[in-house]
């Protein structure tokens, strides 16, 4: 019998600790010490049956036909940000569209568990196409203008979902990323390729990406 990372988990290693995001339960948890070492041994195929059993009991891995490290892809931070350059002037209509999508995302997060939002969003982002740069910078500018009308602090996830949906309305591919740092903080943002669209680059440097919706 083999084993694989539990289906709803995503992870990132930070020094000698591992942060897990359980998408189905909408929670994070930290593995350190013995449990983290057990996971690293499993990840590098050095685990013995007792180690794997402890990971089964912790619900970090689950049985499968053969060993599989699904979810171990290394995600990278963006190298640039649209917000670090001068953004174009955009219409109030575009800004109000950004407000609408943010209010819609906030309502979704109140009504639905995270995985029910992220799974279909990921499928749609995977299917979308890259578009001309102007679309991305205009949407980024619209969200900056929309700050006058919606709460901005502690709303990074709803803002990211909103921007992803606004871009999808234009069939524009993007990636929604969730990152974590220790002592524990979580943040989400939208990027297209190497360019962040929701945040200045310096605001993202402390985070290690743990989840991405959309194509790499």
Protein backbone atom coordinates (compact mmCIF):
# COMPACT_ATOMS: atom_id res chain seq x y z
CA UNK A 1 0.00 0.00 0.00
CA UNK A 2 1.22 3.46 -0.84
CA UNK A 3 0.38 6.88 0.59
CA UNK A 4 -0.24 10.38 -0.64
CA UNK A 5 -0.84 13.81 0.80
CA UNK A 6 -4.44 14.02 2.03
CA UNK A 7 -6.64 15.29 -0.77
CA UNK A 8 -7.67 18.59 0.83
CA UNK A 9 -4.21 19.58 2.09
CA UNK A 10 -1.68 22.02 0.69
CA UNK A 11 1.61 22.74 2.41
CA UNK A 12 4.76 24.79 2.49
CA UNK A 13 7.94 24.12 4.44
CA UNK A 14 9.37 27.09 6.33
CA UNK A 15 12.79 26.29 7.77
CA UNK A 16 12.17 23.13 9.86
CA UNK A 17 8.41 23.55 10.17
CA UNK A 18 5.54 22.81 7.82
CA UNK A 19 2.39 24.89 7.47
CA UNK A 20 -0.64 23.04 6.13
CA UNK A 21 -3.80 24.51 4.64
CA UNK A 22 -6.77 22.18 4.91
CA UNK A 23 -9.00 23.56 2.19
CA UNK A 24 -11.97 21.32 3.06
CA UNK A 25 -11.99 22.43 6.71
CA UNK A 26 -10.95 26.03 5.98
CA UNK A 27 -8.11 25.93 8.52
CA UNK A 28 -4.35 26.07 8.83
CA UNK A 29 -2.20 23.98 11.14
CA UNK A 30 1.49 23.77 11.90
CA UNK A 31 3.71 20.70 12.07
CA UNK A 32 6.94 21.13 13.99
CA UNK A 33 9.38 18.92 15.84
CA UNK A 34 8.83 15.17 15.43
CA UNK A 35 5.75 15.53 13.22
CA UNK A 36 7.57 17.84 10.80
CA UNK A 37 10.54 15.45 10.64
CA UNK A 38 8.14 12.56 9.99
CA UNK A 39 6.63 14.50 7.11
CA UNK A 40 10.02 15.39 5.61
CA UNK A 41 11.05 11.72 5.84
CA UNK A 42 7.84 10.72 4.06
CA UNK A 43 8.30 13.43 1.43
CA UNK A 44 11.78 12.16 0.59
CA UNK A 45 10.66 8.53 0.68
CA UNK A 46 12.70 7.73 3.79
CA UNK A 47 9.78 6.91 6.09
CA UNK A 48 9.35 3.56 7.77
CA UNK A 49 5.92 1.99 8.48
CA UNK A 50 5.74 3.55 11.97
CA UNK A 51 6.41 7.03 10.57
CA UNK A 52 3.76 6.63 7.88
CA UNK A 53 1.29 5.35 10.47
CA UNK A 54 1.80 8.49 12.58
CA UNK A 55 1.11 10.62 9.51
CA UNK A 56 -2.05 8.57 8.83
CA UNK A 57 -3.19 9.23 12.39
CA UNK A 58 -2.53 12.95 11.97
CA UNK A 59 -4.56 12.86 8.70
CA UNK A 60 -1.66 14.43 6.83
CA UNK A 61 -1.34 11.51 4.44
CA UNK A 62 -3.87 8.94 3.31
CA UNK A 63 -3.63 5.45 1.76
CA UNK A 64 -3.39 5.04 -2.00
CA UNK A 65 -2.10 2.53 -4.52
CA UNK A 66 1.42 4.00 -4.63
CA UNK A 67 3.40 6.80 -3.04
CA UNK A 68 2.50 10.21 -4.43
CA UNK A 69 3.75 13.64 -3.25
CA UNK A 70 0.84 15.58 -4.81
CA UNK A 71 0.84 19.14 -3.64
CA UNK A 72 4.59 19.41 -3.25
CA UNK A 73 4.99 21.83 -6.18
CA UNK A 74 7.19 24.79 -5.29
CA UNK A 75 5.25 28.01 -5.79
CA UNK A 76 7.10 31.25 -6.43
CA UNK A 77 6.52 34.84 -5.44
CA UNK A 78 6.03 37.42 -8.18
CA UNK A 79 9.07 39.46 -9.21
CA UNK A 80 7.20 42.65 -10.14
CA UNK A 81 4.02 44.48 -9.22
CA UNK A 82 1.66 46.53 -11.33
CA UNK A 83 1.22 48.77 -8.28
CA UNK A 84 4.90 49.73 -8.26
CA UNK A 85 4.48 51.55 -11.57
CA UNK A 86 2.14 54.38 -12.50
CA UNK A 87 -1.32 52.95 -13.07
CA UNK A 88 -3.58 54.32 -15.81
CA UNK A 89 -6.60 56.44 -15.05
CA UNK A 90 -9.76 54.36 -15.27
CA UNK A 91 -13.45 55.15 -15.30
CA UNK A 92 -15.69 55.18 -12.25
CA UNK A 93 -17.75 52.51 -14.00
CA UNK A 94 -14.76 50.19 -13.87
CA UNK A 95 -14.15 51.03 -10.21
CA UNK A 96 -17.79 50.33 -9.35
CA UNK A 97 -17.49 46.97 -11.11
CA UNK A 98 -14.55 46.21 -8.79
CA UNK A 99 -16.71 47.21 -5.80
CA UNK A 100 -19.50 44.92 -7.01
CA UNK A 101 -17.20 41.91 -7.33
CA UNK A 102 -15.73 42.52 -3.88
CA UNK A 103 -19.15 42.69 -2.23
CA UNK A 104 -20.13 39.54 -4.12
CA UNK A 105 -17.00 37.73 -2.92
CA UNK A 106 -17.61 38.79 0.68
CA UNK A 107 -21.13 37.37 0.48
CA UNK A 108 -19.79 34.12 -1.01
CA UNK A 109 -17.30 33.70 1.83
CA UNK A 110 -20.06 34.15 4.40
CA UNK A 111 -22.27 31.52 2.75
CA UNK A 112 -19.89 28.86 1.44
CA UNK A 113 -16.87 26.93 2.71
CA UNK A 114 -13.61 27.92 1.04
CA UNK A 115 -13.18 24.78 -1.08
CA UNK A 116 -16.61 25.28 -2.69
CA UNK A 117 -15.43 28.67 -3.91
CA UNK A 118 -11.87 27.75 -4.86
CA UNK A 119 -12.50 24.54 -6.79
CA UNK A 120 -14.72 26.07 -9.51
CA UNK A 121 -12.65 29.26 -9.53
CA UNK A 122 -9.51 27.21 -10.15
CA UNK A 123 -11.16 25.36 -13.05
CA UNK A 124 -12.21 28.64 -14.67
CA UNK A 125 -8.78 30.21 -14.19
CA UNK A 126 -7.14 27.13 -15.70
CA UNK A 127 -9.32 27.49 -18.80
CA UNK A 128 -8.82 31.24 -19.28
CA UNK A 129 -6.36 32.75 -21.74
CA UNK A 130 -3.61 35.31 -21.35
CA UNK A 131 -4.65 38.76 -22.54
CA UNK A 132 -2.92 42.01 -23.38
CA UNK A 133 -1.18 43.80 -20.51
CA UNK A 134 -3.57 46.75 -20.63
CA UNK A 135 -6.44 44.65 -19.30
CA UNK A 136 -4.44 43.64 -16.23
CA UNK A 137 -3.22 47.10 -15.32
CA UNK A 138 -6.68 48.61 -15.83
CA UNK A 139 -8.28 46.05 -13.50
CA UNK A 140 -5.51 46.65 -10.95
CA UNK A 141 -6.15 50.40 -11.21
CA UNK A 142 -9.91 49.87 -10.80
CA UNK A 143 -9.36 48.03 -7.53
CA UNK A 144 -7.13 50.81 -6.22
CA UNK A 145 -9.83 53.35 -7.05
CA UNK A 146 -12.45 51.12 -5.41
CA UNK A 147 -10.63 51.41 -2.06
CA UNK A 148 -12.67 54.56 -1.46
CA UNK A 149 -15.85 52.50 -1.25
CA UNK A 150 -15.02 49.12 0.34
CA UNK A 151 -13.19 47.98 3.45
CA UNK A 152 -9.62 47.15 2.43
CA UNK A 153 -7.82 45.89 5.54
CA UNK A 154 -8.27 42.20 6.40
CA UNK A 155 -10.18 41.65 3.15
CA UNK A 156 -7.36 40.20 1.06
CA UNK A 157 -9.13 36.93 0.27
CA UNK A 158 -12.41 38.48 -0.87
CA UNK A 159 -10.43 41.07 -2.85
CA UNK A 160 -8.41 38.35 -4.56
CA UNK A 161 -11.50 36.31 -5.41
CA UNK A 162 -13.16 39.47 -6.72
CA UNK A 163 -10.24 40.43 -8.95
CA UNK A 164 -9.96 36.89 -10.29
CA UNK A 165 -13.65 36.96 -11.21
CA UNK A 166 -13.41 40.40 -12.78
CA UNK A 167 -10.50 39.20 -14.91
CA UNK A 168 -12.39 36.03 -15.83
CA UNK A 169 -15.25 38.17 -17.11
CA UNK A 170 -12.69 39.37 -19.66
CA UNK A 171 -11.41 35.79 -20.22
CA UNK A 172 -8.08 36.92 -18.76
CA UNK A 173 -6.00 34.22 -17.07
CA UNK A 174 -4.46 34.94 -13.66
CA UNK A 175 -3.37 33.14 -10.52
CA UNK A 176 -4.91 33.55 -7.08
CA UNK A 177 -2.23 32.79 -4.49
CA UNK A 178 -2.41 32.24 -0.73
CA UNK A 179 0.80 32.69 1.23
CA UNK A 180 1.79 32.26 4.87
CA UNK A 181 4.55 33.45 7.18
CA UNK A 182 5.72 32.61 10.70
CA UNK A 183 4.82 33.69 13.37
CA UNK A 184 1.59 32.86 11.64
CA UNK A 185 0.10 35.27 9.14
CA UNK A 186 -1.82 34.45 5.97
CA UNK A 187 -2.38 36.66 2.95
CA UNK A 188 -3.79 36.23 -0.53
CA UNK A 189 -3.12 38.09 -3.73
CA UNK A 190 -3.60 37.90 -7.50
CA UNK A 191 -0.77 37.76 -9.99
CA UNK A 192 -0.35 37.16 -13.67
CA UNK A 193 2.91 35.43 -14.42
CA UNK A 194 5.61 37.22 -12.43
CA UNK A 195 3.56 40.38 -11.81
CA UNK A 196 1.41 41.00 -8.73
CA UNK A 197 -1.83 42.85 -9.38
CA UNK A 198 -3.28 43.43 -5.90
CA UNK A 199 -0.24 44.39 -3.77
CA UNK A 200 3.06 46.23 -3.94
CA UNK A 201 5.91 43.75 -4.25
CA UNK A 202 7.42 44.61 -0.85
CA UNK A 203 4.17 43.64 0.91
CA UNK A 204 4.51 40.06 -0.38
CA UNK A 205 8.15 39.38 0.41
CA UNK A 206 7.47 37.93 3.87
CA UNK A 207 5.12 35.23 2.55
CA UNK A 208 5.73 31.71 1.32
CA UNK A 209 3.05 30.61 -1.19
CA UNK A 210 1.05 27.58 -0.05
CA UNK A 211 -1.78 27.47 -2.63
CA UNK A 212 -2.39 28.66 -6.16
CA UNK A 213 -5.56 28.66 -8.24
CA UNK A 214 -4.89 28.97 -11.94
CA UNK A 215 -2.14 27.87 -14.29
CA UNK A 216 1.54 28.40 -13.48
